[in-house]
């Protein structure tokens, strides 16, 4: 599995090479891919979507997975999610 920018930044945070504020700053200035599936256009697509959702690499899913694995504290996770929300809001306004 190749490393994504998100995974690399979380690794840098964990190692102490970057602060949570620096990672949050980077998160505020990146494009975040959608993680929700599009509504199905056919019964076949609906059946395909019954499979378990898979985390989208480079998305907020990756940040949540790092939190679930204990790689981020609750405070770090909160700050990073706020930064992600700001980036998504800024993109939708622009």
C-alpha atoms as a PDB file:
ATOM      1  CA  UNK A   1       0.000   0.000   0.000  1.00  0.00           C
ATOM      2  CA  UNK A   2       1.469   3.346  -0.977  1.00  0.00           C
ATOM      3  CA  UNK A   3       1.582   6.165   1.501  1.00  0.00           C
ATOM      4  CA  UNK A   4      -0.750   9.083   0.967  1.00  0.00           C
ATOM      5  CA  UNK A   5      -0.052  12.689   1.903  1.00  0.00           C
ATOM      6  CA  UNK A   6      -2.495  12.311   4.801  1.00  0.00           C
ATOM      7  CA  UNK A   7      -0.765   9.192   6.115  1.00  0.00           C
ATOM      8  CA  UNK A   8       2.646  10.804   5.752  1.00  0.00           C
ATOM      9  CA  UNK A   9       1.528  13.902   7.682  1.00  0.00           C
ATOM     10  CA  UNK A  10       0.076  11.749  10.483  1.00  0.00           C
ATOM     11  CA  UNK A  11       3.364   9.827  10.652  1.00  0.00           C
ATOM     12  CA  UNK A  12       5.278  13.111  10.845  1.00  0.00           C
ATOM     13  CA  UNK A  13       2.970  14.254  13.654  1.00  0.00           C
ATOM     14  CA  UNK A  14       3.449  11.025  15.590  1.00  0.00           C
ATOM     15  CA  UNK A  15       7.225  11.223  15.238  1.00  0.00           C
ATOM     16  CA  UNK A  16       7.298  14.807  16.514  1.00  0.00           C
ATOM     17  CA  UNK A  17       8.695  16.218  13.253  1.00  0.00           C
ATOM     18  CA  UNK A  18       5.501  18.245  12.771  1.00  0.00           C
ATOM     19  CA  UNK A  19       3.145  19.767  15.326  1.00  0.00           C
ATOM     20  CA  UNK A  20      -0.604  19.269  15.217  1.00  0.00           C
ATOM     21  CA  UNK A  21      -0.900  22.943  14.228  1.00  0.00           C
ATOM     22  CA  UNK A  22       1.411  22.391  11.242  1.00  0.00           C
ATOM     23  CA  UNK A  23      -0.523  19.326  10.105  1.00  0.00           C
ATOM     24  CA  UNK A  24      -3.836  21.166  10.561  1.00  0.00           C
ATOM     25  CA  UNK A  25      -2.450  24.007   8.440  1.00  0.00           C
ATOM     26  CA  UNK A  26      -1.609  21.583   5.650  1.00  0.00           C
ATOM     27  CA  UNK A  27      -5.040  19.963   5.971  1.00  0.00           C
ATOM     28  CA  UNK A  28      -6.707  23.383   5.557  1.00  0.00           C
ATOM     29  CA  UNK A  29      -5.035  23.868   2.171  1.00  0.00           C
ATOM     30  CA  UNK A  30      -5.619  20.544   0.452  1.00  0.00           C
ATOM     31  CA  UNK A  31      -8.493  19.143  -1.558  1.00  0.00           C
ATOM     32  CA  UNK A  32     -10.384  16.406   0.273  1.00  0.00           C
ATOM     33  CA  UNK A  33     -11.986  13.643  -1.812  1.00  0.00           C
ATOM     34  CA  UNK A  34     -15.602  12.741  -1.213  1.00  0.00           C
ATOM     35  CA  UNK A  35     -16.112   9.626   0.876  1.00  0.00           C
ATOM     36  CA  UNK A  36     -19.819   9.097   0.339  1.00  0.00           C
ATOM     37  CA  UNK A  37     -21.112   6.947  -2.436  1.00  0.00           C
ATOM     38  CA  UNK A  38     -23.216   8.481  -5.162  1.00  0.00           C
ATOM     39  CA  UNK A  39     -26.896   7.453  -5.243  1.00  0.00           C
ATOM     40  CA  UNK A  40     -27.276   4.319  -7.361  1.00  0.00           C
ATOM     41  CA  UNK A  41     -28.566   4.788 -10.901  1.00  0.00           C
ATOM     42  CA  UNK A  42     -29.696   1.168 -11.286  1.00  0.00           C
ATOM     43  CA  UNK A  43     -30.542  -1.928  -9.280  1.00  0.00           C
ATOM     44  CA  UNK A  44     -27.133  -3.333 -10.193  1.00  0.00           C
ATOM     45  CA  UNK A  45     -25.372  -0.329  -8.692  1.00  0.00           C
ATOM     46  CA  UNK A  46     -27.592  -0.597  -5.619  1.00  0.00           C
ATOM     47  CA  UNK A  47     -26.553  -4.231  -5.169  1.00  0.00           C
ATOM     48  CA  UNK A  48     -22.879  -3.307  -5.589  1.00  0.00           C
ATOM     49  CA  UNK A  49     -23.238  -0.715  -2.836  1.00  0.00           C
ATOM     50  CA  UNK A  50     -24.389  -3.330  -0.349  1.00  0.00           C
ATOM     51  CA  UNK A  51     -20.737  -4.282   0.137  1.00  0.00           C
ATOM     52  CA  UNK A  52     -18.946  -2.890   3.157  1.00  0.00           C
ATOM     53  CA  UNK A  53     -17.640   0.611   2.608  1.00  0.00           C
ATOM     54  CA  UNK A  54     -13.909   0.848   2.078  1.00  0.00           C
ATOM     55  CA  UNK A  55     -11.871   3.752   3.425  1.00  0.00           C
ATOM     56  CA  UNK A  56     -10.959   6.264   0.731  1.00  0.00           C
ATOM     57  CA  UNK A  57      -7.176   6.824   0.762  1.00  0.00           C
ATOM     58  CA  UNK A  58      -6.216  10.466   1.288  1.00  0.00           C
ATOM     59  CA  UNK A  59      -9.626  11.308   2.742  1.00  0.00           C
ATOM     60  CA  UNK A  60     -11.039  12.010   6.168  1.00  0.00           C
ATOM     61  CA  UNK A  61     -11.515   8.235   6.378  1.00  0.00           C
ATOM     62  CA  UNK A  62      -7.749   7.917   6.744  1.00  0.00           C
ATOM     63  CA  UNK A  63      -7.696  10.422   9.627  1.00  0.00           C
ATOM     64  CA  UNK A  64     -10.545   8.598  11.378  1.00  0.00           C
ATOM     65  CA  UNK A  65      -8.775   5.253  10.912  1.00  0.00           C
ATOM     66  CA  UNK A  66      -5.611   6.704  12.498  1.00  0.00           C
ATOM     67  CA  UNK A  67      -7.688   7.889  15.457  1.00  0.00           C
ATOM     68  CA  UNK A  68      -9.353   4.482  15.752  1.00  0.00           C
ATOM     69  CA  UNK A  69      -5.902   2.834  15.821  1.00  0.00           C
ATOM     70  CA  UNK A  70      -4.854   5.157  18.667  1.00  0.00           C
ATOM     71  CA  UNK A  71      -2.387   7.111  16.532  1.00  0.00           C
ATOM     72  CA  UNK A  72      -4.139  10.415  17.293  1.00  0.00           C
ATOM     73  CA  UNK A  73      -5.402  11.749  20.599  1.00  0.00           C
ATOM     74  CA  UNK A  74      -8.966  13.005  20.879  1.00  0.00           C
ATOM     75  CA  UNK A  75      -7.701  16.595  20.849  1.00  0.00           C
ATOM     76  CA  UNK A  76      -5.508  16.022  17.784  1.00  0.00           C
ATOM     77  CA  UNK A  77      -8.384  14.325  15.992  1.00  0.00           C
ATOM     78  CA  UNK A  78     -10.736  17.196  16.833  1.00  0.00           C
ATOM     79  CA  UNK A  79      -8.271  19.831  15.604  1.00  0.00           C
ATOM     80  CA  UNK A  80      -7.541  17.955  12.392  1.00  0.00           C
ATOM     81  CA  UNK A  81     -11.246  17.382  11.661  1.00  0.00           C
ATOM     82  CA  UNK A  82     -11.909  21.093  12.179  1.00  0.00           C
ATOM     83  CA  UNK A  83      -9.147  21.892   9.667  1.00  0.00           C
ATOM     84  CA  UNK A  84     -10.647  19.420   7.181  1.00  0.00           C
ATOM     85  CA  UNK A  85     -14.091  20.985   7.610  1.00  0.00           C
ATOM     86  CA  UNK A  86     -12.614  24.442   6.973  1.00  0.00           C
ATOM     87  CA  UNK A  87     -10.973  23.201   3.762  1.00  0.00           C
ATOM     88  CA  UNK A  88     -14.183  21.579   2.534  1.00  0.00           C
ATOM     89  CA  UNK A  89     -16.221  24.693   3.390  1.00  0.00           C
ATOM     90  CA  UNK A  90     -13.738  26.965   1.618  1.00  0.00           C
ATOM     91  CA  UNK A  91     -13.848  24.803  -1.517  1.00  0.00           C
ATOM     92  CA  UNK A  92     -17.642  24.752  -1.599  1.00  0.00           C
ATOM     93  CA  UNK A  93     -17.794  28.549  -1.202  1.00  0.00           C
ATOM     94  CA  UNK A  94     -15.189  29.170  -3.878  1.00  0.00           C
END
